[in-house]
């Protein structure tokens, strides 16, 4: 007997903000803090906390640079983050496909 796809969901990825961050990064490759904050309609502190969780899980890399005198924070998805996202999406697809249309 195989397990239900829900057991394959990654709790770190599943949270809606973190799922949003990873999907943006998987599409764009990298994004800066301001873009993520504005696109996902978050506060600086809220985004920062979610990035910490993703960083601690090894799903993103965070690089701080300066452009002129202005600091800029870049976020990039890691190979592990891409793998976690792909597995998570596959499990969601299995669950969606199992639900009858009627």
C-alpha atoms as a PDB file:
ATOM      1  CA  UNK A   1       0.000   0.000   0.000  1.00  0.00           C
ATOM      2  CA  UNK A   2       1.466   3.368  -0.986  1.00  0.00           C
ATOM      3  CA  UNK A   3       1.169   6.358   1.272  1.00  0.00           C
ATOM      4  CA  UNK A   4      -1.106   9.284   0.567  1.00  0.00           C
ATOM      5  CA  UNK A   5       0.542  12.168  -1.340  1.00  0.00           C
ATOM      6  CA  UNK A   6      -0.077  14.461   1.641  1.00  0.00           C
ATOM      7  CA  UNK A   7       2.760  12.660   3.420  1.00  0.00           C
ATOM      8  CA  UNK A   8       5.097  13.934   0.699  1.00  0.00           C
ATOM      9  CA  UNK A   9       4.332  17.599   1.337  1.00  0.00           C
ATOM     10  CA  UNK A  10       7.240  19.568   2.758  1.00  0.00           C
ATOM     11  CA  UNK A  11       6.030  21.602   5.745  1.00  0.00           C
ATOM     12  CA  UNK A  12       8.716  24.225   5.142  1.00  0.00           C
ATOM     13  CA  UNK A  13       7.616  24.723   1.526  1.00  0.00           C
ATOM     14  CA  UNK A  14       3.877  24.353   2.148  1.00  0.00           C
ATOM     15  CA  UNK A  15       3.388  27.615   4.033  1.00  0.00           C
ATOM     16  CA  UNK A  16       1.864  29.995   1.455  1.00  0.00           C
ATOM     17  CA  UNK A  17       4.485  32.770   1.686  1.00  0.00           C
ATOM     18  CA  UNK A  18       7.400  30.343   1.458  1.00  0.00           C
ATOM     19  CA  UNK A  19       5.714  28.541  -1.435  1.00  0.00           C
ATOM     20  CA  UNK A  20       5.330  31.925  -3.130  1.00  0.00           C
ATOM     21  CA  UNK A  21       8.983  32.833  -2.542  1.00  0.00           C
ATOM     22  CA  UNK A  22      10.217  29.526  -3.957  1.00  0.00           C
ATOM     23  CA  UNK A  23       7.962  29.653  -7.013  1.00  0.00           C
ATOM     24  CA  UNK A  24       9.114  33.195  -7.820  1.00  0.00           C
ATOM     25  CA  UNK A  25      12.746  32.166  -7.429  1.00  0.00           C
ATOM     26  CA  UNK A  26      12.278  28.980  -9.476  1.00  0.00           C
ATOM     27  CA  UNK A  27      10.895  31.090 -12.306  1.00  0.00           C
ATOM     28  CA  UNK A  28      13.221  34.092 -12.082  1.00  0.00           C
ATOM     29  CA  UNK A  29      16.388  32.423 -10.808  1.00  0.00           C
ATOM     30  CA  UNK A  30      16.917  35.158  -8.270  1.00  0.00           C
ATOM     31  CA  UNK A  31      15.062  38.164  -6.937  1.00  0.00           C
ATOM     32  CA  UNK A  32      15.834  41.016  -4.624  1.00  0.00           C
ATOM     33  CA  UNK A  33      14.247  41.495  -1.232  1.00  0.00           C
ATOM     34  CA  UNK A  34      12.168  44.497  -2.327  1.00  0.00           C
ATOM     35  CA  UNK A  35      10.684  42.645  -5.310  1.00  0.00           C
ATOM     36  CA  UNK A  36       9.709  39.667  -3.136  1.00  0.00           C
ATOM     37  CA  UNK A  37       8.267  41.933  -0.439  1.00  0.00           C
ATOM     38  CA  UNK A  38       6.187  43.964  -2.876  1.00  0.00           C
ATOM     39  CA  UNK A  39       5.050  41.051  -5.044  1.00  0.00           C
ATOM     40  CA  UNK A  40       3.936  38.962  -2.068  1.00  0.00           C
ATOM     41  CA  UNK A  41       2.562  42.023  -0.222  1.00  0.00           C
ATOM     42  CA  UNK A  42       4.549  41.455   2.964  1.00  0.00           C
ATOM     43  CA  UNK A  43       6.219  43.591   5.581  1.00  0.00           C
ATOM     44  CA  UNK A  44      10.018  43.613   5.773  1.00  0.00           C
ATOM     45  CA  UNK A  45       9.929  41.664   9.030  1.00  0.00           C
ATOM     46  CA  UNK A  46       7.505  39.048   7.754  1.00  0.00           C
ATOM     47  CA  UNK A  47       9.519  38.407   4.593  1.00  0.00           C
ATOM     48  CA  UNK A  48      12.751  38.362   6.587  1.00  0.00           C
ATOM     49  CA  UNK A  49      11.422  35.672   8.910  1.00  0.00           C
ATOM     50  CA  UNK A  50      10.280  33.459   6.033  1.00  0.00           C
ATOM     51  CA  UNK A  51      13.623  33.893   4.280  1.00  0.00           C
ATOM     52  CA  UNK A  52      15.372  32.845   7.507  1.00  0.00           C
ATOM     53  CA  UNK A  53      13.317  29.627   7.586  1.00  0.00           C
ATOM     54  CA  UNK A  54      14.098  28.869   3.927  1.00  0.00           C
ATOM     55  CA  UNK A  55      17.774  29.680   4.445  1.00  0.00           C
ATOM     56  CA  UNK A  56      18.010  27.467   7.529  1.00  0.00           C
ATOM     57  CA  UNK A  57      16.443  24.618   5.512  1.00  0.00           C
ATOM     58  CA  UNK A  58      19.051  25.130   2.776  1.00  0.00           C
ATOM     59  CA  UNK A  59      16.422  26.133   0.220  1.00  0.00           C
ATOM     60  CA  UNK A  60      17.715  29.634  -0.557  1.00  0.00           C
ATOM     61  CA  UNK A  61      20.972  31.547  -0.578  1.00  0.00           C
ATOM     62  CA  UNK A  62      20.984  35.166   0.522  1.00  0.00           C
ATOM     63  CA  UNK A  63      23.585  37.620  -0.769  1.00  0.00           C
ATOM     64  CA  UNK A  64      23.905  41.176   0.478  1.00  0.00           C
ATOM     65  CA  UNK A  65      25.530  43.666  -1.885  1.00  0.00           C
ATOM     66  CA  UNK A  66      25.789  47.401  -2.340  1.00  0.00           C
ATOM     67  CA  UNK A  67      24.725  49.315  -5.400  1.00  0.00           C
ATOM     68  CA  UNK A  68      26.420  52.614  -4.913  1.00  0.00           C
ATOM     69  CA  UNK A  69      25.697  53.376  -1.294  1.00  0.00           C
ATOM     70  CA  UNK A  70      22.443  51.439  -1.164  1.00  0.00           C
ATOM     71  CA  UNK A  71      22.341  47.939   0.303  1.00  0.00           C
ATOM     72  CA  UNK A  72      20.577  45.299  -1.761  1.00  0.00           C
ATOM     73  CA  UNK A  73      19.664  41.779  -0.703  1.00  0.00           C
ATOM     74  CA  UNK A  74      19.457  39.085  -3.380  1.00  0.00           C
ATOM     75  CA  UNK A  75      17.760  35.743  -2.845  1.00  0.00           C
ATOM     76  CA  UNK A  76      18.494  32.679  -5.000  1.00  0.00           C
ATOM     77  CA  UNK A  77      16.899  29.251  -4.899  1.00  0.00           C
ATOM     78  CA  UNK A  78      19.353  26.416  -4.200  1.00  0.00           C
ATOM     79  CA  UNK A  79      19.409  22.981  -5.792  1.00  0.00           C
ATOM     80  CA  UNK A  80      17.892  21.638  -2.576  1.00  0.00           C
ATOM     81  CA  UNK A  81      15.190  24.297  -2.703  1.00  0.00           C
ATOM     82  CA  UNK A  82      14.356  23.446  -6.301  1.00  0.00           C
ATOM     83  CA  UNK A  83      14.199  19.736  -5.420  1.00  0.00           C
ATOM     84  CA  UNK A  84      11.927  20.417  -2.428  1.00  0.00           C
ATOM     85  CA  UNK A  85       9.642  22.634  -4.527  1.00  0.00           C
ATOM     86  CA  UNK A  86       9.452  20.103  -7.369  1.00  0.00           C
ATOM     87  CA  UNK A  87       8.574  17.287  -4.944  1.00  0.00           C
ATOM     88  CA  UNK A  88       5.999  19.451  -3.215  1.00  0.00           C
ATOM     89  CA  UNK A  89       4.323  20.390  -6.504  1.00  0.00           C
ATOM     90  CA  UNK A  90       4.306  16.738  -7.600  1.00  0.00           C
ATOM     91  CA  UNK A  91       2.505  15.754  -4.378  1.00  0.00           C
ATOM     92  CA  UNK A  92      -0.023  18.581  -4.844  1.00  0.00           C
ATOM     93  CA  UNK A  93      -0.649  17.451  -8.433  1.00  0.00           C
ATOM     94  CA  UNK A  94      -1.290  13.884  -7.253  1.00  0.00           C
ATOM     95  CA  UNK A  95      -3.803  15.140  -4.715  1.00  0.00           C
ATOM     96  CA  UNK A  96      -5.534  17.397  -7.236  1.00  0.00           C
ATOM     97  CA  UNK A  97      -5.707  14.636  -9.839  1.00  0.00           C
ATOM     98  CA  UNK A  98      -7.338  12.309  -7.292  1.00  0.00           C
ATOM     99  CA  UNK A  99     -10.271  14.673  -6.723  1.00  0.00           C
ATOM    100  CA  UNK A 100     -13.199  13.900  -9.071  1.00  0.00           C
ATOM    101  CA  UNK A 101     -14.486  16.735 -11.252  1.00  0.00           C
ATOM    102  CA  UNK A 102     -18.086  16.063 -10.245  1.00  0.00           C
END
